[in-house]
Every structure is written in structure tokens, then in C-alpha cells.
Amino acid sequence: MTIKLKYIQHYSRALQDQISQLQAQGKLGDYITSRYPQSHTIQTSKALYTYCNEIKQTYLRNVSALAKVAFDSRLTMSHHAFGLNTAISRVQGGKLKAKKEIRIADTFKELPEDFLRMIVVHELAHLKERDHSKAFYKLCEHMEPDYHQLEFDCRVYLTWKEMG
């Protein structure tokens, strides 16, 4: 039986084979939950806004304030996104104002806090670097030194959850 690994399909064949082997042996869940046993209490958009703002104030003080941060039930991997960063332009008086918003998939309410932090860091980095460039990933690593490992492990976690 071939296991579809949509969350990690862009990683090397060797890594995909390791994950497939762990899943086939029934050990994938044990592996990932032993690494990330902690859930979190951030369940509302208000709590998420506070969480995001604390990270933003620590690493991105000079970036304009966030107008809104919210969990969004419409964001899924089928949209190729777990988070969304937007700037909504509105006319206020005679000026054009851009309000920055971050939306995080509802899925992250149930995942370990490390994964929530990883996606928040990713979306915050977009406030400064729009593209997924070298500078973008360097900023992600500045805010979260284990960023790349967390991104991979989050994808493994989602693979495990989807396989039931």
C-alpha cells in the first residue's frame, strides 16, 4: 500500500521513506507525540492576537501594528495555506490606510504550541519580507531558531493525524 504524503511531498525521498516506514510500523504517532506532547490554551482569536503581538513586539517592533489576528476555519492545506497575511487598504479621511491582518487555520488550536508558534512566526515574517526568500527564512530563524525542524515536524504531525 502506498501512503500519500501530501504534507511532506516536497522533502527528499529518503525522508518520505522514513516517515512511511514509521507509519507502516505504527510508530509515527509515538515518535511525533513524544517530541511534542504539549498542547496549548490559545483557543480564541483574542488570545491569538495577544500571543502574536508578544512575539511581534519582541522581534519586529518597527513593523506597523496588527489590526486583526484570528483563527480561520476556512484555511486548510487544500488552499495551500495554514496561515494568511493580508493588508487591507481603506480610505480614512483623505488618506489611504493599510491594515495588516493575520489569519491562522483553526487546525492550530489542536496542535502543540510549538507548531502554533512556527506558523505565527511565518506569518509575522511576511510583515517584513513578502516573498519566501532567503531573507524571509533568515528572519523566521531569528524569531524561532528551530523554525525549519518545526515546519517539518508539523507536516509529519499533520500526516500522522490525517492517516488516523
Foldseek 3Di string as FASTA:
>chain_A
DDADQVLCVVPDPVVVVVLVVCVVVVNLVVVLCVVFVAADDQQFQVSVLVVLVVLCVVQPVPQDHAPGEGEDQPDDCVVVDQKDWAWDWDDDPNDIHTHIYMYGYSVNNGGGVLLVQLNSLLRSLCSPPVDPDPVSVVSSCVSPVCNVVSSVSVSSVVSVVVVD
